[in-house]
Every structure is written in structure tokens, then in C-alpha cells.
C-alpha atoms as a PDB file:
ATOM      1  CA  UNK A   1      -5.551 -17.944 -50.025  1.00  0.00           C
ATOM      2  CA  UNK A   2      -6.890 -19.495 -46.978  1.00  0.00           C
ATOM      3  CA  UNK A   3      -3.194 -20.387 -45.908  1.00  0.00           C
ATOM      4  CA  UNK A   4      -2.035 -16.624 -46.554  1.00  0.00           C
ATOM      5  CA  UNK A   5      -5.165 -15.417 -44.414  1.00  0.00           C
ATOM      6  CA  UNK A   6      -4.201 -17.845 -41.750  1.00  0.00           C
ATOM      7  CA  UNK A   7      -0.557 -16.856 -41.812  1.00  0.00           C
ATOM      8  CA  UNK A   8      -1.504 -13.084 -41.550  1.00  0.00           C
ATOM      9  CA  UNK A   9      -3.608 -13.939 -38.617  1.00  0.00           C
ATOM     10  CA  UNK A  10      -0.843 -15.807 -36.843  1.00  0.00           C
ATOM     11  CA  UNK A  11       1.609 -12.923 -37.474  1.00  0.00           C
ATOM     12  CA  UNK A  12      -0.896 -10.272 -35.979  1.00  0.00           C
ATOM     13  CA  UNK A  13      -1.573 -12.676 -32.930  1.00  0.00           C
ATOM     14  CA  UNK A  14       2.215 -12.893 -32.457  1.00  0.00           C
ATOM     15  CA  UNK A  15       2.642  -9.400 -32.375  1.00  0.00           C
ATOM     16  CA  UNK A  16      -0.363  -8.724 -30.159  1.00  0.00           C
ATOM     17  CA  UNK A  17       1.300 -11.286 -27.674  1.00  0.00           C
ATOM     18  CA  UNK A  18       4.622  -9.611 -27.899  1.00  0.00           C
ATOM     19  CA  UNK A  19       3.129  -6.135 -27.124  1.00  0.00           C
ATOM     20  CA  UNK A  20       1.277  -7.773 -24.219  1.00  0.00           C
ATOM     21  CA  UNK A  21       4.373  -9.414 -22.878  1.00  0.00           C
ATOM     22  CA  UNK A  22       6.334  -6.314 -22.978  1.00  0.00           C
ATOM     23  CA  UNK A  23       3.862  -4.185 -21.241  1.00  0.00           C
ATOM     24  CA  UNK A  24       5.775  -3.867 -18.237  1.00  0.00           C
ATOM     25  CA  UNK A  25       4.788  -0.478 -16.787  1.00  0.00           C
ATOM     26  CA  UNK A  26       1.458  -0.363 -18.665  1.00  0.00           C
ATOM     27  CA  UNK A  27       3.133   0.010 -22.110  1.00  0.00           C
ATOM     28  CA  UNK A  28       6.518   1.297 -21.028  1.00  0.00           C
ATOM     29  CA  UNK A  29       9.737  -0.649 -21.660  1.00  0.00           C
ATOM     30  CA  UNK A  30      10.888  -1.151 -18.185  1.00  0.00           C
ATOM     31  CA  UNK A  31       9.117  -2.200 -15.077  1.00  0.00           C
ATOM     32  CA  UNK A  32       7.601   0.387 -12.748  1.00  0.00           C
ATOM     33  CA  UNK A  33      10.029   1.487 -10.091  1.00  0.00           C
ATOM     34  CA  UNK A  34       9.756   2.315  -6.570  1.00  0.00           C
ATOM     35  CA  UNK A  35      12.244   2.689  -3.766  1.00  0.00           C
ATOM     36  CA  UNK A  36      11.585  -0.853  -2.473  1.00  0.00           C
ATOM     37  CA  UNK A  37      11.722  -2.626  -5.939  1.00  0.00           C
ATOM     38  CA  UNK A  38       9.954  -3.086  -9.136  1.00  0.00           C
ATOM     39  CA  UNK A  39       6.600  -4.246 -10.607  1.00  0.00           C
ATOM     40  CA  UNK A  40       4.823  -4.652 -13.939  1.00  0.00           C
ATOM     41  CA  UNK A  41       1.343  -3.707 -14.599  1.00  0.00           C
ATOM     42  CA  UNK A  42      -1.353  -3.782 -17.409  1.00  0.00           C
ATOM     43  CA  UNK A  43      -4.600  -2.062 -17.601  1.00  0.00           C
ATOM     44  CA  UNK A  44      -7.849  -3.007 -19.490  1.00  0.00           C
ATOM     45  CA  UNK A  45      -8.129  -1.272 -23.044  1.00  0.00           C
ATOM     46  CA  UNK A  46      -9.986   2.011 -22.630  1.00  0.00           C
ATOM     47  CA  UNK A  47      -9.849   2.059 -18.737  1.00  0.00           C
ATOM     48  CA  UNK A  48     -11.512   5.309 -17.551  1.00  0.00           C
ATOM     49  CA  UNK A  49     -11.776   6.494 -14.004  1.00  0.00           C
ATOM     50  CA  UNK A  50     -10.806   4.527 -10.914  1.00  0.00           C
ATOM     51  CA  UNK A  51     -10.821   0.762 -11.629  1.00  0.00           C
ATOM     52  CA  UNK A  52     -10.265  -2.338  -9.147  1.00  0.00           C
ATOM     53  CA  UNK A  53      -7.055  -4.104  -9.526  1.00  0.00           C
ATOM     54  CA  UNK A  54      -5.575  -7.565  -8.715  1.00  0.00           C
ATOM     55  CA  UNK A  55      -2.019  -7.764  -7.355  1.00  0.00           C
ATOM     56  CA  UNK A  56      -0.721 -11.218  -8.374  1.00  0.00           C
ATOM     57  CA  UNK A  57       2.503 -12.581  -6.952  1.00  0.00           C
ATOM     58  CA  UNK A  58       4.580 -15.023  -8.935  1.00  0.00           C
ATOM     59  CA  UNK A  59       5.975 -18.343  -7.885  1.00  0.00           C
ATOM     60  CA  UNK A  60       9.544 -19.580  -7.101  1.00  0.00           C
ATOM     61  CA  UNK A  61      11.990 -18.395  -9.968  1.00  0.00           C
ATOM     62  CA  UNK A  62       9.543 -16.252 -11.679  1.00  0.00           C
ATOM     63  CA  UNK A  63       8.904 -12.364 -12.007  1.00  0.00           C
ATOM     64  CA  UNK A  64       6.334  -9.866 -12.624  1.00  0.00           C
ATOM     65  CA  UNK A  65       6.755  -9.686 -16.440  1.00  0.00           C
ATOM     66  CA  UNK A  66       6.442 -13.529 -16.537  1.00  0.00           C
ATOM     67  CA  UNK A  67       3.115 -13.351 -14.684  1.00  0.00           C
ATOM     68  CA  UNK A  68       1.743 -10.914 -17.254  1.00  0.00           C
ATOM     69  CA  UNK A  69       2.619 -13.676 -19.878  1.00  0.00           C
ATOM     70  CA  UNK A  70       0.039 -15.999 -18.568  1.00  0.00           C
ATOM     71  CA  UNK A  71      -2.467 -14.547 -21.120  1.00  0.00           C
ATOM     72  CA  UNK A  72      -5.174 -17.110 -20.030  1.00  0.00           C
ATOM     73  CA  UNK A  73      -5.403 -15.830 -16.451  1.00  0.00           C
ATOM     74  CA  UNK A  74      -4.562 -12.130 -17.165  1.00  0.00           C
ATOM     75  CA  UNK A  75      -6.956 -11.774 -20.156  1.00  0.00           C
ATOM     76  CA  UNK A  76      -9.826 -12.795 -17.888  1.00  0.00           C
ATOM     77  CA  UNK A  77      -8.896 -10.359 -15.447  1.00  0.00           C
ATOM     78  CA  UNK A  78      -8.644  -7.572 -17.891  1.00  0.00           C
ATOM     79  CA  UNK A  79     -11.934  -8.518 -19.568  1.00  0.00           C
ATOM     80  CA  UNK A  80     -13.623  -8.064 -16.004  1.00  0.00           C
ATOM     81  CA  UNK A  81     -12.410  -4.593 -15.826  1.00  0.00           C
ATOM     82  CA  UNK A  82      -9.437  -5.287 -13.626  1.00  0.00           C
ATOM     83  CA  UNK A  83      -5.940  -3.858 -13.642  1.00  0.00           C
ATOM     84  CA  UNK A  84      -3.286  -6.557 -13.124  1.00  0.00           C
ATOM     85  CA  UNK A  85      -0.301  -5.669 -11.040  1.00  0.00           C
ATOM     86  CA  UNK A  86       2.606  -8.192 -11.098  1.00  0.00           C
ATOM     87  CA  UNK A  87       5.459  -7.293  -8.295  1.00  0.00           C
ATOM     88  CA  UNK A  88       9.007  -8.682  -8.436  1.00  0.00           C
ATOM     89  CA  UNK A  89      10.275 -10.730  -5.706  1.00  0.00           C
ATOM     90  CA  UNK A  90      13.836 -10.614  -4.627  1.00  0.00           C
ATOM     91  CA  UNK A  91      16.478 -11.942  -6.924  1.00  0.00           C
ATOM     92  CA  UNK A  92      17.804 -15.602  -6.108  1.00  0.00           C
ATOM     93  CA  UNK A  93      21.312 -16.053  -5.347  1.00  0.00           C
ATOM     94  CA  UNK A  94      21.708 -17.989  -8.507  1.00  0.00           C
ATOM     95  CA  UNK A  95      20.834 -14.942 -10.420  1.00  0.00           C
ATOM     96  CA  UNK A  96      18.016 -16.926 -12.177  1.00  0.00           C
ATOM     97  CA  UNK A  97      14.486 -15.670 -11.264  1.00  0.00           C
ATOM     98  CA  UNK A  98      13.063 -14.263  -8.041  1.00  0.00           C
ATOM     99  CA  UNK A  99      11.354 -15.401  -4.829  1.00  0.00           C
ATOM    100  CA  UNK A 100       9.607 -14.146  -1.864  1.00  0.00           C
ATOM    101  CA  UNK A 101      11.042 -13.848   1.731  1.00  0.00           C
ATOM    102  CA  UNK A 102       8.298 -14.773   4.215  1.00  0.00           C
ATOM    103  CA  UNK A 103       9.746 -17.562   6.433  1.00  0.00           C
ATOM    104  CA  UNK A 104       9.452 -16.401  10.117  1.00  0.00           C
ATOM    105  CA  UNK A 105      12.915 -18.027  10.844  1.00  0.00           C
ATOM    106  CA  UNK A 106      14.762 -16.652   7.933  1.00  0.00           C
ATOM    107  CA  UNK A 107      15.108 -12.712   8.152  1.00  0.00           C
ATOM    108  CA  UNK A 108      14.956 -10.800   4.951  1.00  0.00           C
ATOM    109  CA  UNK A 109      16.747  -7.679   3.731  1.00  0.00           C
ATOM    110  CA  UNK A 110      13.402  -6.313   2.447  1.00  0.00           C
ATOM    111  CA  UNK A 111      10.177  -6.108   4.294  1.00  0.00           C
ATOM    112  CA  UNK A 112       7.941  -7.805   1.728  1.00  0.00           C
ATOM    113  CA  UNK A 113       4.698  -6.644   3.376  1.00  0.00           C
ATOM    114  CA  UNK A 114       5.673  -3.000   3.253  1.00  0.00           C
ATOM    115  CA  UNK A 115       6.879  -3.439  -0.344  1.00  0.00           C
ATOM    116  CA  UNK A 116       3.644  -4.797  -1.433  1.00  0.00           C
ATOM    117  CA  UNK A 117       1.625  -2.227   0.138  1.00  0.00           C
ATOM    118  CA  UNK A 118       3.892   0.382  -1.430  1.00  0.00           C
ATOM    119  CA  UNK A 119       3.413  -1.210  -4.681  1.00  0.00           C
ATOM    120  CA  UNK A 120      -0.309  -0.964  -4.488  1.00  0.00           C
ATOM    121  CA  UNK A 121      -0.064   2.634  -3.159  1.00  0.00           C
ATOM    122  CA  UNK A 122       2.063   3.701  -6.079  1.00  0.00           C
ATOM    123  CA  UNK A 123       0.083   1.784  -8.787  1.00  0.00           C
ATOM    124  CA  UNK A 124      -3.061   3.390  -7.419  1.00  0.00           C
ATOM    125  CA  UNK A 125      -1.646   7.032  -7.623  1.00  0.00           C
ATOM    126  CA  UNK A 126       0.178   6.475 -10.907  1.00  0.00           C
ATOM    127  CA  UNK A 127      -2.639   4.851 -12.857  1.00  0.00           C
ATOM    128  CA  UNK A 128      -5.899   5.862 -11.185  1.00  0.00           C
ATOM    129  CA  UNK A 129      -6.813   2.664  -9.434  1.00  0.00           C
ATOM    130  CA  UNK A 130      -9.274   1.929  -6.636  1.00  0.00           C
ATOM    131  CA  UNK A 131      -6.862   1.244  -3.666  1.00  0.00           C
ATOM    132  CA  UNK A 132      -9.525   0.237  -1.621  1.00  0.00           C
ATOM    133  CA  UNK A 133     -10.740  -2.542  -4.248  1.00  0.00           C
ATOM    134  CA  UNK A 134      -7.617  -4.546  -4.543  1.00  0.00           C
ATOM    135  CA  UNK A 135      -7.277  -8.261  -4.351  1.00  0.00           C
ATOM    136  CA  UNK A 136      -3.861  -9.690  -3.387  1.00  0.00           C
ATOM    137  CA  UNK A 137      -3.334 -12.971  -4.906  1.00  0.00           C
ATOM    138  CA  UNK A 138      -0.473 -15.388  -5.643  1.00  0.00           C
ATOM    139  CA  UNK A 139       0.743 -18.793  -6.806  1.00  0.00           C
ATOM    140  CA  UNK A 140       2.827 -21.376  -4.795  1.00  0.00           C
ATOM    141  CA  UNK A 141       5.263 -19.423  -2.736  1.00  0.00           C
ATOM    142  CA  UNK A 142       3.561 -16.218  -4.027  1.00  0.00           C
ATOM    143  CA  UNK A 143       0.493 -17.754  -2.368  1.00  0.00           C
ATOM    144  CA  UNK A 144       2.474 -18.340   0.913  1.00  0.00           C
ATOM    145  CA  UNK A 145       3.410 -14.572   0.731  1.00  0.00           C
ATOM    146  CA  UNK A 146      -0.131 -13.596   0.297  1.00  0.00           C
ATOM    147  CA  UNK A 147      -1.023 -15.602   3.443  1.00  0.00           C
ATOM    148  CA  UNK A 148       1.612 -13.995   5.462  1.00  0.00           C
ATOM    149  CA  UNK A 149       0.541 -10.405   4.479  1.00  0.00           C
ATOM    150  CA  UNK A 150      -3.169 -11.376   5.346  1.00  0.00           C
ATOM    151  CA  UNK A 151      -1.990 -12.549   8.683  1.00  0.00           C
ATOM    152  CA  UNK A 152       0.357  -9.587   9.355  1.00  0.00           C
ATOM    153  CA  UNK A 153      -1.614  -6.691   7.758  1.00  0.00           C
ATOM    154  CA  UNK A 154      -5.224  -7.731   7.024  1.00  0.00           C
ATOM    155  CA  UNK A 155      -6.281  -4.329   6.331  1.00  0.00           C
ATOM    156  CA  UNK A 156      -3.738  -3.780   3.563  1.00  0.00           C
ATOM    157  CA  UNK A 157      -5.923  -5.151   0.847  1.00  0.00           C
ATOM    158  CA  UNK A 158      -9.577  -5.746   0.245  1.00  0.00           C
ATOM    159  CA  UNK A 159      -9.298  -9.478   0.146  1.00  0.00           C
ATOM    160  CA  UNK A 160      -6.757 -12.077  -0.207  1.00  0.00           C
ATOM    161  CA  UNK A 161      -6.478 -15.245  -2.544  1.00  0.00           C
ATOM    162  CA  UNK A 162      -3.671 -17.597  -2.186  1.00  0.00           C
ATOM    163  CA  UNK A 163      -3.297 -20.427  -4.703  1.00  0.00           C
ATOM    164  CA  UNK A 164      -1.193 -23.667  -3.950  1.00  0.00           C
ATOM    165  CA  UNK A 165       0.499 -21.962  -1.184  1.00  0.00           C
ATOM    166  CA  UNK A 166       0.209 -21.269   2.656  1.00  0.00           C
ATOM    167  CA  UNK A 167       1.817 -20.833   5.790  1.00  0.00           C
ATOM    168  CA  UNK A 168       5.122 -22.780   6.535  1.00  0.00           C
ATOM    169  CA  UNK A 169       6.282 -24.267   9.859  1.00  0.00           C
ATOM    170  CA  UNK A 170       5.952 -23.019  12.564  1.00  0.00           C
ATOM    171  CA  UNK A 171       2.477 -21.680  11.604  1.00  0.00           C
ATOM    172  CA  UNK A 172       1.664 -18.187  13.160  1.00  0.00           C
ATOM    173  CA  UNK A 173       0.222 -18.488  16.778  1.00  0.00           C
ATOM    174  CA  UNK A 174      -2.270 -15.874  15.834  1.00  0.00           C
ATOM    175  CA  UNK A 175      -2.933 -13.378  12.994  1.00  0.00           C
ATOM    176  CA  UNK A 176      -3.630  -9.559  13.385  1.00  0.00           C
ATOM    177  CA  UNK A 177      -7.297  -9.460  12.453  1.00  0.00           C
ATOM    178  CA  UNK A 178     -10.121 -10.978  10.354  1.00  0.00           C
ATOM    179  CA  UNK A 179      -9.911 -11.116   6.441  1.00  0.00           C
ATOM    180  CA  UNK A 180     -11.916 -12.058   3.599  1.00  0.00           C
ATOM    181  CA  UNK A 181      -9.669 -15.002   2.128  1.00  0.00           C
ATOM    182  CA  UNK A 182     -10.033 -17.548  -0.726  1.00  0.00           C
ATOM    183  CA  UNK A 183      -7.687 -20.428  -0.675  1.00  0.00           C
ATOM    184  CA  UNK A 184      -7.433 -22.592  -3.703  1.00  0.00           C
ATOM    185  CA  UNK A 185      -5.571 -25.891  -3.749  1.00  0.00           C
ATOM    186  CA  UNK A 186      -5.141 -28.954  -5.715  1.00  0.00           C
ATOM    187  CA  UNK A 187      -5.663 -32.279  -3.961  1.00  0.00           C
ATOM    188  CA  UNK A 188      -3.127 -34.008  -6.250  1.00  0.00           C
ATOM    189  CA  UNK A 189      -0.475 -31.170  -5.556  1.00  0.00           C
ATOM    190  CA  UNK A 190       2.762 -32.858  -4.799  1.00  0.00           C
ATOM    191  CA  UNK A 191       4.910 -29.857  -4.578  1.00  0.00           C
ATOM    192  CA  UNK A 192       2.999 -28.132  -2.029  1.00  0.00           C
ATOM    193  CA  UNK A 193       0.840 -31.122  -0.543  1.00  0.00           C
ATOM    194  CA  UNK A 194      -2.360 -30.243   1.362  1.00  0.00           C
ATOM    195  CA  UNK A 195      -0.745 -31.930   4.495  1.00  0.00           C
ATOM    196  CA  UNK A 196       2.711 -30.244   3.965  1.00  0.00           C
ATOM    197  CA  UNK A 197       6.103 -31.634   3.570  1.00  0.00           C
ATOM    198  CA  UNK A 198       9.704 -31.177   4.321  1.00  0.00           C
ATOM    199  CA  UNK A 199      11.571 -29.473   1.664  1.00  0.00           C
ATOM    200  CA  UNK A 200      14.885 -29.771   3.396  1.00  0.00           C
ATOM    201  CA  UNK A 201      16.014 -30.244   7.027  1.00  0.00           C
ATOM    202  CA  UNK A 202      14.347 -27.497   9.054  1.00  0.00           C
ATOM    203  CA  UNK A 203      12.402 -26.092   6.124  1.00  0.00           C
ATOM    204  CA  UNK A 204       8.785 -27.709   6.298  1.00  0.00           C
ATOM    205  CA  UNK A 205       5.723 -26.547   4.396  1.00  0.00           C
ATOM    206  CA  UNK A 206       2.686 -26.240   6.668  1.00  0.00           C
ATOM    207  CA  UNK A 207      -0.605 -28.248   6.822  1.00  0.00           C
ATOM    208  CA  UNK A 208      -3.190 -26.400   4.731  1.00  0.00           C
ATOM    209  CA  UNK A 209      -5.996 -27.653   6.994  1.00  0.00           C
ATOM    210  CA  UNK A 210      -4.239 -26.385   9.933  1.00  0.00           C
ATOM    211  CA  UNK A 211      -3.840 -22.991   8.340  1.00  0.00           C
ATOM    212  CA  UNK A 212      -7.664 -23.091   7.427  1.00  0.00           C
ATOM    213  CA  UNK A 213      -8.303 -23.776  11.193  1.00  0.00           C
ATOM    214  CA  UNK A 214      -6.300 -20.769  12.100  1.00  0.00           C
ATOM    215  CA  UNK A 215      -8.146 -18.626   9.661  1.00  0.00           C
ATOM    216  CA  UNK A 216     -11.424 -19.705  11.151  1.00  0.00           C
ATOM    217  CA  UNK A 217     -10.306 -18.625  14.528  1.00  0.00           C
ATOM    218  CA  UNK A 218      -8.989 -15.379  13.169  1.00  0.00           C
ATOM    219  CA  UNK A 219     -12.165 -14.901  11.670  1.00  0.00           C
ATOM    220  CA  UNK A 220     -14.286 -15.745  14.466  1.00  0.00           C
ATOM    221  CA  UNK A 221     -16.389 -18.269  12.392  1.00  0.00           C
ATOM    222  CA  UNK A 222     -19.124 -19.837  14.337  1.00  0.00           C
ATOM    223  CA  UNK A 223     -18.224 -23.418  13.283  1.00  0.00           C
ATOM    224  CA  UNK A 224     -15.508 -25.673  12.031  1.00  0.00           C
ATOM    225  CA  UNK A 225     -18.048 -26.780   9.479  1.00  0.00           C
ATOM    226  CA  UNK A 226     -18.701 -24.653   6.579  1.00  0.00           C
ATOM    227  CA  UNK A 227     -21.975 -22.715   6.133  1.00  0.00           C
ATOM    228  CA  UNK A 228     -22.308 -23.781   2.472  1.00  0.00           C
ATOM    229  CA  UNK A 229     -20.699 -26.224  -0.059  1.00  0.00           C
ATOM    230  CA  UNK A 230     -21.167 -26.022  -3.644  1.00  0.00           C
ATOM    231  CA  UNK A 231     -19.797 -27.383  -6.811  1.00  0.00           C
ATOM    232  CA  UNK A 232     -18.734 -25.024  -9.320  1.00  0.00           C
ATOM    233  CA  UNK A 233     -16.838 -26.593 -12.457  1.00  0.00           C
ATOM    234  CA  UNK A 234     -13.767 -28.275 -11.251  1.00  0.00           C
ATOM    235  CA  UNK A 235     -14.125 -26.586  -7.845  1.00  0.00           C
ATOM    236  CA  UNK A 236     -15.601 -27.974  -4.541  1.00  0.00           C
ATOM    237  CA  UNK A 237     -16.084 -24.718  -2.731  1.00  0.00           C
ATOM    238  CA  UNK A 238     -16.491 -24.634   1.151  1.00  0.00           C
ATOM    239  CA  UNK A 239     -17.561 -21.242   2.561  1.00  0.00           C
ATOM    240  CA  UNK A 240     -17.818 -19.914   5.887  1.00  0.00           C
ATOM    241  CA  UNK A 241     -19.802 -16.789   6.120  1.00  0.00           C
ATOM    242  CA  UNK A 242     -21.025 -16.899   9.628  1.00  0.00           C
ATOM    243  CA  UNK A 243     -18.053 -14.976  10.970  1.00  0.00           C
ATOM    244  CA  UNK A 244     -17.022 -11.422  12.342  1.00  0.00           C
ATOM    245  CA  UNK A 245     -18.379  -8.564  10.349  1.00  0.00           C
ATOM    246  CA  UNK A 246     -16.703  -8.245   7.001  1.00  0.00           C
ATOM    247  CA  UNK A 247     -14.836 -11.438   7.405  1.00  0.00           C
ATOM    248  CA  UNK A 248     -15.262 -14.522   5.260  1.00  0.00           C
ATOM    249  CA  UNK A 249     -13.290 -17.668   4.539  1.00  0.00           C
ATOM    250  CA  UNK A 250     -13.475 -19.771   1.321  1.00  0.00           C
ATOM    251  CA  UNK A 251     -11.627 -22.905   0.687  1.00  0.00           C
ATOM    252  CA  UNK A 252     -11.821 -24.125  -3.057  1.00  0.00           C
ATOM    253  CA  UNK A 253     -10.552 -27.669  -3.779  1.00  0.00           C
ATOM    254  CA  UNK A 254      -9.870 -29.212  -7.211  1.00  0.00           C
ATOM    255  CA  UNK A 255      -8.407 -32.667  -8.414  1.00  0.00           C
ATOM    256  CA  UNK A 256      -5.438 -31.092 -10.088  1.00  0.00           C
ATOM    257  CA  UNK A 257      -1.718 -30.625  -9.193  1.00  0.00           C
ATOM    258  CA  UNK A 258       0.482 -27.763  -8.605  1.00  0.00           C
ATOM    259  CA  UNK A 259      -0.893 -25.131 -11.027  1.00  0.00           C
ATOM    260  CA  UNK A 260      -3.161 -22.245 -11.402  1.00  0.00           C
ATOM    261  CA  UNK A 261      -6.285 -24.173 -12.549  1.00  0.00           C
ATOM    262  CA  UNK A 262      -8.109 -23.129 -15.619  1.00  0.00           C
ATOM    263  CA  UNK A 263     -11.108 -21.121 -14.574  1.00  0.00           C
ATOM    264  CA  UNK A 264      -9.583 -20.005 -11.387  1.00  0.00           C
ATOM    265  CA  UNK A 265      -9.589 -16.190 -12.333  1.00  0.00           C
ATOM    266  CA  UNK A 266     -13.243 -15.976 -13.066  1.00  0.00           C
ATOM    267  CA  UNK A 267     -13.888 -17.939 -10.009  1.00  0.00           C
ATOM    268  CA  UNK A 268     -11.910 -15.641  -7.736  1.00  0.00           C
ATOM    269  CA  UNK A 269     -13.395 -12.513  -9.113  1.00  0.00           C
ATOM    270  CA  UNK A 270     -16.722 -13.657  -8.662  1.00  0.00           C
ATOM    271  CA  UNK A 271     -15.954 -14.516  -5.194  1.00  0.00           C
ATOM    272  CA  UNK A 272     -14.325 -11.145  -4.691  1.00  0.00           C
ATOM    273  CA  UNK A 273     -17.578  -9.296  -6.106  1.00  0.00           C
ATOM    274  CA  UNK A 274     -19.851 -11.283  -4.066  1.00  0.00           C
ATOM    275  CA  UNK A 275     -20.166  -9.366  -0.868  1.00  0.00           C
END
């Protein structure tokens, strides 16, 4: 009897997983489509009235549907009352997966910043989301894309949260204006090391510490030293709050490698809501 109950439970869980994974356009079988591209989205159960959202950008070779299959992260966001919007990058030449075009020396057929703004605007209008309460986050090259959007269009989203991805060489000389930004990175990351690396001749990942220095200047922070350092679970969190009005810079380090660390979603939402 116990084995039958367990089997039924596993079947139900599998069906729920399949339903969630197929929820491309909040339950529709195809991704949401706009002129510039596509995105996937899922809303919390019983969502009523305008709700905030997290726009999360996938890493190299991924796509928006794959982002929604990261149940550990997505479920935490949904439980906190956030819609999760997962845009699709541009198809790779191999035809397998997608990527983001952000490198300053590599022109793109699509204006990625304009695309992401259009996704946010469309999702807000289509699903009744709070356009002024959207966090743009992303992993790996998705995190790099977040960094470039924050630099080019700081007013486009309420805040920015790149994970394991930052600027590439050459770093921007300056950014358009101050932002609220949370950068998370693993000290053992060998794919996107904190000090940067050459991926191939002429294609070099930037130094994350240099990027943080650029953000401190952009935000007009009073000191190179953080105002506060705290330990939260696996994260060592450094915060610069003595900056221009509305600006804040937070640097969360952990001992792990190239991944979205367990507990990141909760930490990031707490940070986003702590104004």
C-alpha cells in the first residue's frame, strides 16, 4: 500500500513538473512573441492585481523555457509573489541553444537592450505586472547582458542582479547613470573567474573587481570600502549604500563555482525589497 501511494505521488509530481515546464506563455503551449523575439513567463497561482516580476536571462546555450525548468529558483520567486519572465537570446549558429549579443566589438543584428525593454513592456501590459517593480537578473553571459543593460539604460528596470557574469574587455569607460545592482559570484568560478580570462584570441572576460570599481564611480559611492559587510548563509555580502540618491551597490561572494548558488533567489529578493 505504501509503495502504491508513493508511486501515485511520484506520478502526480511528474505531471506537475511537466505542466510547469510547458508553461511557456503562462500556460499557453508556445512562447510569448513580440516583434523582436520570444519569451516565456509564469505567474504565481492566484495572482491578482499588478504584481512585481523578475526578468531572468539564461546562460550560453540555454533558452527561456529552460530557465523555467530551474524549479528550485523559479519556485522561490513564485512563492514570494513574483512573476518570472524568461526571454530567449538569439539562436547560435550551430542551431543548438541561444546566447546574448553584448560584446562592444561584435555588432549584433538585434538591439538586445531594446528587446529586453520590449519584453518587459509587453509582459506588463499582457499579464498586469508592475512595470516599475521589475528586477533584471541573469546567469553567466546572461549576467553579462544584465551588466550591459544596467550600464546603457539604468532606468529600464528597478534594479539589476547579474550572477557569475560581468563586463568583457574592454570595459566601458563610463555608464549612463546610477543603479541599484547586486552582483553575485563564486570565488572558485573557473568558467568566469573573478580576475577574468581569455576565452579565445581577442575575446577576454573582464576583471569583476574592476567592474565593481566602475559601478562605485557610476553610483557616486563615498568610499572604495563597503559601508557594511555581513555573512548570510553561504554569502559574504559587501554593501555600498552611501552613494547617489536611489543608487546602491552590493557584492555577494560565495565559495562555489560557476552556478546559481542555492539560496540566491531568496537573498536577491530580500535585497530587492530592502530599500
